[in-house]
Amino acid sequence: MLHYNFPPFSVGEVRPMRGPGRREIGHGALAERAVRVLLPGEEEFPYAVRVVSDILESNGSSSMASVCGASLSLMDAGVPIRKPVAGVAMGLIKEGEKVAILTDIQGLEDHYGDMDFKVTGTREGITALQMDNKAGGITRSILEKALDQARRGRLFILEKMESAITEPRDNVSAYAPRIYTITVPLDKIRDIIGPGGKMIRNIVAQTGVKVDVEDDGRVFVASPTTEAAEKALGMINDLIREVAAGEVFSGKVTRLMAFGAFVEVLPGKEGLLHVSEISTTHVGKVDDVFSPGDSVLVMVKEIDDMGRINLSRRRALEKKSEPEMAERFADAFVLEDAREERIKALPPSNDRDRNQRGGAPRPGGRPGGDRPSGDRRSHSGPPRRSGSGDRNRDR
């Protein structure tokens, strides 16, 4: 959208300033048409763009000045237009067979001349044309000469513009909201939204961004800061990415079972860390090593035919010898080294089991402690009476 404002004082007039007139609407439409074809698509730059051109003084083509100013301001704002665009107004003075074509006409030349021919474009071609003709028509040769002259004038103006800025800035203003667009497979949309909107609400709650998911797979992330947007995009990519064997993750323990622990390696993706894959040292009880919510470094050992993820902590620890992994998971390796020392300090699992039941094992006997000799009671019943006592009582 381009707003063109031409107040009366710009040409030394005094009159009320009301709504846009024919001049403002026509000149604004021409300038917008000249620039609009060079704007990026919604997928690349999903912003609403508004350019305001306020004419403060005029003695020439203010619409062509608006085209040049719009091009410069868009590049300075970080809008990735494909090429700079400029415009020039051509004039015509015709007396009989005498013809003079003027470049960049002023107010008097426009008023007394026979043509006002506006040409806008880039170095490669024309983006918009407009002609006002008072001579009742022009010949082909005059048109060709006017276009060639306009091209040379346009290239001269573009050279001056490029001395100020040659291409769009890499980023939009620090005060502009950040809007990013990614395209995801259609079958991954439900993973981003989650059951009842759980996952998308979690992204918004943690980052403060706004997330819009379209039916065609486009995802728009709007954020006041780059950091929040990048965090949200990372969370979205984690939701849609597939886990591969050999990858290493710093995951979170979600559940403990007798045979191992379930670890969330990516949002919504859990794997089983079997007790035999926790350490090179034997681990008897999983809850001696982990608690729900603990961070743990794991490697994806395999993904079985049913899509279940099997993890290994001891294989992840072997990656410490690789410089890249050691740097990437430096904090996690410090945590795991301390955990490994605690595992090695644990007493053997059978000793812990006996201590929990009470008593020490007898040499060659069952655990549970010694009983006095002659005490034949079972653990659950009263002492048995001898058979002779029963027979005497019956008599």
Protein backbone atom coordinates (compact mmCIF):
# COMPACT_ATOMS: atom_id res chain seq x y z
CA MET A 1 0.00 0.00 0.00
CA LEU A 2 1.37 3.42 -0.99
CA HIS A 3 -0.14 6.64 0.31
CA TYR A 4 0.69 9.74 -1.72
CA ASN A 5 0.01 13.08 -0.01
CA PHE A 6 0.23 16.35 -1.95
CA PRO A 7 -0.62 19.23 0.42
CA PRO A 8 -1.42 22.66 -1.06
CA PHE A 9 1.60 24.35 0.52
CA SER A 10 3.94 22.17 -1.58
CA VAL A 11 3.11 24.38 -4.59
CA GLY A 12 2.54 27.64 -2.71
CA GLU A 13 -1.24 27.38 -2.55
CA VAL A 14 -3.57 28.09 0.35
CA ARG A 15 -6.68 25.92 0.50
CA PRO A 16 -8.32 23.48 2.89
CA MET A 17 -6.73 20.05 3.32
CA ARG A 18 -9.49 17.53 2.88
CA GLY A 19 -9.54 13.93 1.68
CA PRO A 20 -7.47 12.64 -1.24
CA GLY A 21 -8.40 14.08 -4.62
CA ARG A 22 -7.98 12.88 -8.18
CA ARG A 23 -4.31 13.84 -8.22
CA GLU A 24 -3.45 12.00 -4.99
CA ILE A 25 -5.31 8.85 -6.02
CA GLY A 26 -3.86 8.75 -9.55
CA HIS A 27 -0.27 9.56 -8.64
CA GLY A 28 -0.34 7.16 -5.68
CA ALA A 29 -1.69 4.34 -7.86
CA LEU A 30 1.06 4.88 -10.44
CA ALA A 31 3.84 4.88 -7.83
CA GLU A 32 2.41 1.78 -6.14
CA ARG A 33 2.17 -0.10 -9.44
CA ALA A 34 5.79 0.78 -10.24
CA VAL A 35 7.09 -0.70 -6.98
CA ARG A 36 4.64 -3.51 -6.23
CA VAL A 37 5.95 -5.91 -8.89
CA LEU A 38 9.34 -5.94 -7.15
CA LEU A 39 8.05 -6.79 -3.67
CA PRO A 40 8.75 -10.30 -2.32
CA GLY A 41 5.99 -12.87 -2.03
CA GLU A 42 4.12 -13.64 1.17
CA GLU A 43 6.13 -16.83 1.70
CA GLU A 44 9.40 -14.88 1.73
CA PHE A 45 8.23 -11.73 3.51
CA PRO A 46 4.85 -12.12 5.26
CA TYR A 47 4.46 -8.47 6.23
CA ALA A 48 1.88 -5.85 5.34
CA VAL A 49 3.91 -3.05 3.74
CA ARG A 50 2.78 0.58 3.78
CA VAL A 51 4.77 3.39 2.20
CA VAL A 52 3.79 7.02 2.82
CA SER A 53 5.10 9.69 0.44
CA ASP A 54 4.60 13.23 1.74
CA ILE A 55 5.37 15.87 -0.90
CA LEU A 56 6.69 18.97 0.88
CA GLU A 57 7.71 20.94 -2.21
CA SER A 58 7.10 20.31 -5.89
CA ASN A 59 8.49 21.70 -9.13
CA GLY A 60 8.65 18.50 -11.13
CA SER A 61 7.23 15.00 -11.15
CA SER A 62 6.40 14.23 -7.53
CA SER A 63 5.00 10.81 -8.51
CA MET A 64 8.39 9.80 -9.95
CA ALA A 65 10.07 11.17 -6.83
CA SER A 66 7.69 8.94 -4.84
CA VAL A 67 8.85 5.89 -6.81
CA CYS A 68 12.52 6.63 -6.12
CA GLY A 69 11.85 7.44 -2.47
CA ALA A 70 9.76 4.29 -2.00
CA SER A 71 12.55 2.14 -3.43
CA LEU A 72 15.17 3.70 -1.15
CA SER A 73 12.99 3.52 1.96
CA LEU A 74 12.02 -0.12 1.38
CA MET A 75 15.65 -1.18 1.02
CA ASP A 76 16.61 0.82 4.08
CA ALA A 77 13.80 -0.84 6.06
CA GLY A 78 15.07 -4.31 5.16
CA VAL A 79 12.27 -5.22 2.74
CA PRO A 80 13.92 -7.62 0.24
CA ILE A 81 12.76 -6.02 -3.02
CA ARG A 82 14.23 -7.78 -6.03
CA LYS A 83 15.82 -4.69 -7.61
CA PRO A 84 15.93 -0.92 -7.07
CA VAL A 85 13.38 0.98 -9.15
CA ALA A 86 13.40 4.60 -10.34
CA GLY A 87 11.20 6.80 -12.49
CA VAL A 88 11.50 9.83 -14.74
CA ALA A 89 8.93 12.11 -16.41
CA MET A 90 9.44 12.85 -20.11
CA GLY A 91 8.03 15.91 -21.91
CA LEU A 92 7.39 16.96 -25.51
CA ILE A 93 7.48 20.32 -27.28
CA LYS A 94 6.14 20.13 -30.82
CA GLU A 95 5.82 22.96 -33.35
CA GLY A 96 4.98 21.74 -36.82
CA GLU A 97 7.70 19.33 -37.82
CA LYS A 98 9.99 20.45 -35.02
CA VAL A 99 10.03 18.06 -32.05
CA ALA A 100 11.94 18.31 -28.78
CA ILE A 101 11.78 15.54 -26.19
CA LEU A 102 12.53 16.69 -22.64
CA THR A 103 13.82 14.60 -19.73
CA ASP A 104 12.74 15.15 -16.11
CA ILE A 105 10.38 18.00 -16.88
CA GLN A 106 9.63 20.84 -14.46
CA GLY A 107 6.29 22.42 -13.68
CA LEU A 108 6.33 24.99 -16.51
CA GLU A 109 7.43 22.38 -19.07
CA ASP A 110 4.58 20.17 -17.95
CA HIS A 111 2.08 23.04 -18.13
CA TYR A 112 3.08 24.42 -21.54
CA GLY A 113 4.34 21.21 -23.11
CA ASP A 114 2.45 18.71 -25.27
CA MET A 115 3.14 15.51 -23.32
CA ASP A 116 3.71 14.21 -19.81
CA PHE A 117 5.11 10.69 -20.20
CA LYS A 118 6.10 8.92 -16.98
CA VAL A 119 8.34 5.83 -17.20
CA THR A 120 9.44 3.72 -14.23
CA GLY A 121 11.63 0.64 -14.09
CA THR A 122 14.86 -1.09 -13.13
CA ARG A 123 18.07 -1.50 -15.09
CA GLU A 124 16.51 -4.50 -16.84
CA GLY A 125 13.10 -3.18 -17.83
CA ILE A 126 9.98 -1.05 -17.34
CA THR A 127 7.54 -1.58 -14.47
CA ALA A 128 4.93 1.14 -15.17
CA LEU A 129 3.96 3.74 -17.79
CA GLN A 130 1.58 6.70 -17.87
CA MET A 131 1.05 9.28 -20.60
CA ASP A 132 -0.91 12.53 -20.79
CA ASN A 133 -0.89 13.84 -24.38
CA LYS A 134 -2.12 17.20 -25.64
CA ALA A 135 -0.85 16.89 -29.22
CA GLY A 136 -3.58 14.54 -30.38
CA GLY A 137 -1.17 11.61 -30.62
CA ILE A 138 2.49 10.87 -31.26
CA THR A 139 4.36 8.93 -33.89
CA ARG A 140 6.18 5.64 -33.33
CA SER A 141 9.55 7.32 -33.79
CA ILE A 142 8.75 9.91 -31.08
CA LEU A 143 7.69 7.12 -28.69
CA GLU A 144 10.84 5.11 -29.38
CA LYS A 145 13.03 8.14 -28.85
CA ALA A 146 11.19 9.07 -25.65
CA LEU A 147 11.58 5.54 -24.24
CA ASP A 148 15.28 5.45 -25.08
CA GLN A 149 15.81 8.85 -23.53
CA ALA A 150 13.83 7.77 -20.45
CA ARG A 151 16.00 4.68 -20.11
CA ARG A 152 19.18 6.74 -20.07
CA GLY A 153 17.67 9.11 -17.53
CA ARG A 154 16.47 6.21 -15.37
CA LEU A 155 19.91 4.60 -15.33
CA PHE A 156 21.46 7.92 -14.29
CA ILE A 157 19.01 8.21 -11.38
CA LEU A 158 19.58 4.58 -10.32
CA GLU A 159 23.32 5.21 -10.24
CA LYS A 160 22.79 8.12 -7.84
CA MET A 161 20.43 6.03 -5.70
CA GLU A 162 22.91 3.16 -5.51
CA SER A 163 25.56 5.52 -4.19
CA ALA A 164 23.39 5.73 -1.05
CA ILE A 165 22.25 2.09 -0.77
CA THR A 166 22.80 -0.74 -3.24
CA GLU A 167 20.64 -3.54 -1.81
CA PRO A 168 18.12 -4.19 0.96
CA ARG A 169 19.48 -4.39 4.47
CA ASP A 170 19.88 -7.88 5.89
CA ASN A 171 17.31 -7.38 8.65
CA VAL A 172 14.24 -5.30 9.26
CA SER A 173 14.32 -2.54 11.85
CA ALA A 174 14.94 -3.51 15.46
CA TYR A 175 11.54 -1.97 16.25
CA ALA A 176 9.64 -4.05 13.69
CA PRO A 177 8.02 -7.35 14.72
CA ARG A 178 9.73 -10.50 13.49
CA ILE A 179 7.64 -12.72 11.25
CA TYR A 180 9.02 -16.03 10.03
CA THR A 181 7.46 -18.59 7.73
CA ILE A 182 8.24 -22.28 7.40
CA THR A 183 6.45 -25.00 5.48
CA VAL A 184 5.86 -28.37 7.13
CA PRO A 185 4.46 -31.65 5.76
CA LEU A 186 0.69 -31.83 6.07
CA ASP A 187 0.86 -34.93 8.26
CA LYS A 188 3.01 -33.00 10.76
CA ILE A 189 0.44 -30.26 11.41
CA ARG A 190 -1.21 -32.34 14.12
CA ASP A 191 2.17 -32.79 15.85
CA ILE A 192 2.61 -29.01 16.06
CA ILE A 193 -0.90 -28.43 17.38
CA GLY A 194 -0.94 -31.44 19.71
CA PRO A 195 -3.93 -33.02 21.45
CA GLY A 196 -6.39 -30.26 22.26
CA GLY A 197 -3.81 -27.65 21.19
CA LYS A 198 -1.41 -28.70 23.96
CA MET A 199 1.84 -28.38 22.00
CA ILE A 200 1.10 -25.05 20.30
CA ARG A 201 -0.06 -23.55 23.61
CA ASN A 202 3.17 -24.72 25.20
CA ILE A 203 5.22 -22.97 22.48
CA VAL A 204 3.30 -19.72 22.99
CA ALA A 205 3.59 -19.94 26.79
CA GLN A 206 7.36 -20.53 26.73
CA THR A 207 8.30 -17.98 24.06
CA GLY A 208 5.55 -15.34 23.98
CA VAL A 209 5.22 -15.57 20.19
CA LYS A 210 2.11 -15.91 18.04
CA VAL A 211 1.87 -19.05 15.93
CA ASP A 212 -0.55 -19.48 13.01
CA VAL A 213 -0.78 -22.81 11.17
CA GLU A 214 -2.39 -22.84 7.73
CA ASP A 215 -4.09 -25.85 6.15
CA ASP A 216 -1.50 -25.93 3.35
CA GLY A 217 1.34 -26.54 5.83
CA ARG A 218 2.60 -22.97 6.18
CA VAL A 219 3.44 -21.94 9.73
CA PHE A 220 3.74 -18.24 10.62
CA VAL A 221 5.64 -17.21 13.74
CA ALA A 222 5.31 -13.57 14.83
CA SER A 223 7.45 -12.28 17.66
CA PRO A 224 8.62 -8.93 19.07
CA THR A 225 12.22 -10.22 19.27
CA THR A 226 14.47 -12.40 17.15
CA GLU A 227 15.50 -14.54 20.12
CA ALA A 228 11.93 -15.55 20.97
CA ALA A 229 11.13 -16.32 17.33
CA GLU A 230 14.22 -18.50 16.93
CA LYS A 231 13.37 -20.40 20.11
CA ALA A 232 9.82 -21.02 18.87
CA LEU A 233 11.06 -22.16 15.45
CA GLY A 234 13.47 -24.54 17.15
CA MET A 235 10.62 -26.03 19.18
CA ILE A 236 8.50 -26.44 16.04
CA ASN A 237 11.35 -28.11 14.17
CA ASP A 238 11.86 -30.48 17.11
CA LEU A 239 8.18 -31.43 16.93
CA ILE A 240 8.27 -32.34 13.24
CA ARG A 241 11.74 -33.84 12.91
CA GLU A 242 12.36 -37.57 12.85
CA VAL A 243 14.79 -39.25 15.23
CA ALA A 244 17.60 -41.20 13.58
CA ALA A 245 19.81 -43.95 14.96
CA GLY A 246 23.16 -42.63 16.19
CA GLU A 247 21.87 -39.20 17.23
CA VAL A 248 22.74 -37.93 20.70
CA PHE A 249 20.27 -35.99 22.84
CA SER A 250 20.14 -34.42 26.25
CA GLY A 251 16.75 -35.78 27.26
CA LYS A 252 14.49 -35.72 30.30
CA VAL A 253 13.43 -38.74 32.34
CA THR A 254 9.64 -39.01 32.31
CA ARG A 255 8.91 -42.43 33.86
CA LEU A 256 10.74 -45.13 35.78
CA MET A 257 10.07 -48.83 35.35
CA ALA A 258 11.73 -51.93 36.80
CA PHE A 259 13.38 -52.63 33.44
CA GLY A 260 14.52 -49.09 32.62
CA ALA A 261 13.55 -45.45 32.22
CA PHE A 262 11.56 -43.62 29.58
CA VAL A 263 13.33 -40.51 28.31
CA GLU A 264 11.85 -37.67 26.25
CA VAL A 265 14.45 -36.80 23.62
CA LEU A 266 12.24 -34.39 21.64
CA PRO A 267 8.86 -32.85 22.48
CA GLY A 268 6.33 -35.67 22.31
CA LYS A 269 8.97 -38.31 21.44
CA GLU A 270 10.02 -40.79 24.12
CA GLY A 271 12.45 -43.67 24.05
CA LEU A 272 13.30 -46.53 26.40
CA LEU A 273 16.62 -46.48 28.21
CA HIS A 274 16.93 -50.12 29.26
CA VAL A 275 18.62 -50.81 32.58
CA SER A 276 21.40 -52.67 30.77
CA GLU A 277 22.19 -49.54 28.71
CA ILE A 278 22.51 -47.14 31.65
CA SER A 279 26.15 -47.77 32.51
CA THR A 280 29.09 -50.10 31.96
CA THR A 281 28.74 -50.79 35.69
CA HIS A 282 25.89 -53.11 36.64
CA VAL A 283 22.78 -51.21 37.78
CA GLY A 284 20.32 -53.19 39.87
CA LYS A 285 17.59 -50.63 40.44
CA VAL A 286 16.78 -47.79 38.08
CA ASP A 287 15.54 -45.49 40.84
CA ASP A 288 18.99 -45.62 42.44
CA VAL A 289 20.25 -43.66 39.42
CA PHE A 290 17.36 -41.55 38.11
CA SER A 291 14.33 -39.65 39.28
CA PRO A 292 11.54 -38.30 37.05
CA GLY A 293 12.58 -34.95 35.64
CA ASP A 294 16.32 -35.70 35.60
CA SER A 295 18.36 -34.72 32.55
CA VAL A 296 20.27 -37.56 30.94
CA LEU A 297 22.55 -37.82 27.92
CA VAL A 298 21.47 -40.63 25.60
CA MET A 299 22.17 -41.92 22.13
CA VAL A 300 19.55 -43.44 19.86
CA LYS A 301 20.61 -47.07 19.71
CA GLU A 302 17.97 -48.19 17.25
CA ILE A 303 14.39 -47.70 16.11
CA ASP A 304 12.59 -51.03 15.90
CA ASP A 305 10.04 -52.19 13.33
CA MET A 306 7.21 -50.75 15.42
CA GLY A 307 8.80 -47.30 15.50
CA ARG A 308 9.86 -47.57 19.16
CA ILE A 309 13.02 -45.71 20.11
CA ASN A 310 15.68 -47.60 22.06
CA LEU A 311 18.26 -45.48 23.86
CA SER A 312 21.69 -46.02 25.37
CA ARG A 313 23.43 -43.86 27.94
CA ARG A 314 26.67 -45.82 28.00
CA ARG A 315 27.07 -45.43 24.22
CA ALA A 316 26.45 -41.70 24.53
CA LEU A 317 29.27 -41.46 27.08
CA GLU A 318 31.64 -42.98 24.53
CA LYS A 319 31.07 -39.92 22.32
CA LYS A 320 33.01 -37.76 24.78
CA SER A 321 36.19 -38.58 22.88
CA GLU A 322 34.84 -36.77 19.81
CA PRO A 323 35.76 -33.04 19.98
CA GLU A 324 32.56 -31.83 18.35
CA MET A 325 30.33 -33.81 20.72
CA ALA A 326 32.45 -32.87 23.73
CA GLU A 327 31.97 -29.19 22.93
CA ARG A 328 28.28 -29.46 22.08
CA PHE A 329 27.35 -31.39 25.24
CA ALA A 330 30.04 -30.04 27.58
CA ASP A 331 27.66 -29.38 30.48
CA ALA A 332 25.87 -32.70 29.99
CA PHE A 333 29.14 -34.66 30.11
CA VAL A 334 30.06 -32.98 33.41
CA LEU A 335 26.71 -34.08 34.84
CA GLU A 336 27.10 -37.61 33.52
CA ASP A 337 30.64 -37.98 34.89
CA ALA A 338 29.35 -37.17 38.37
CA ARG A 339 26.45 -39.59 37.91
CA GLU A 340 28.81 -42.34 36.78
CA GLU A 341 30.85 -41.94 39.97
CA ARG A 342 27.68 -42.31 42.06
CA ILE A 343 26.76 -45.47 40.15
CA LYS A 344 30.16 -47.01 40.84
CA ALA A 345 29.83 -46.15 44.54
CA LEU A 346 26.51 -48.01 44.88
CA PRO A 347 26.72 -51.30 46.86
CA PRO A 348 25.93 -54.50 44.97
CA SER A 349 22.23 -54.92 44.41
CA ASN A 350 21.92 -58.28 46.28
CA ASP A 351 23.38 -56.71 49.45
CA ARG A 352 20.86 -53.88 49.28
CA ASP A 353 18.02 -56.37 48.88
CA ARG A 354 19.11 -58.33 51.99
CA ASN A 355 19.44 -55.18 54.04
CA GLN A 356 15.92 -54.17 53.09
CA ARG A 357 14.55 -57.60 54.21
CA GLY A 358 16.56 -57.55 57.43
CA GLY A 359 19.26 -59.89 58.74
CA ALA A 360 22.34 -61.37 57.20
CA PRO A 361 22.62 -64.69 55.38
CA ARG A 362 23.68 -67.78 57.29
CA PRO A 363 26.61 -69.69 55.93
CA GLY A 364 25.11 -72.14 53.49
CA GLY A 365 21.58 -71.18 54.56
CA ARG A 366 18.75 -68.95 53.45
CA PRO A 367 18.82 -65.22 54.09
CA GLY A 368 16.62 -63.77 56.77
CA GLY A 369 18.59 -64.28 60.03
CA ASP A 370 19.13 -67.23 62.43
CA ARG A 371 16.32 -68.67 64.54
CA PRO A 372 16.77 -70.45 67.88
CA SER A 373 17.23 -74.19 67.54
CA GLY A 374 14.09 -76.16 68.12
CA ASP A 375 11.83 -73.35 66.94
CA ARG A 376 10.00 -74.98 64.07
CA ARG A 377 7.47 -72.20 63.49
CA SER A 378 6.84 -71.12 60.01
CA HIS A 379 6.81 -67.42 59.20
CA SER A 380 3.04 -67.33 59.09
CA GLY A 381 1.61 -70.01 61.41
CA PRO A 382 1.57 -70.95 65.13
CA PRO A 383 3.84 -73.67 66.59
CA ARG A 384 2.75 -77.20 65.82
CA ARG A 385 1.80 -79.53 68.67
CA SER A 386 3.42 -82.92 68.90
CA GLY A 387 1.45 -85.93 67.86
CA SER A 388 1.87 -87.73 71.22
CA GLY A 389 0.28 -84.91 73.14
CA ASP A 390 -2.76 -85.06 70.92
CA ARG A 391 -3.13 -88.81 71.36
CA ASN A 392 -2.88 -88.64 75.19
CA ARG A 393 -5.55 -85.93 75.29
CA ASP A 394 -7.90 -88.02 73.16
CA ARG A 395 -7.64 -90.89 75.57
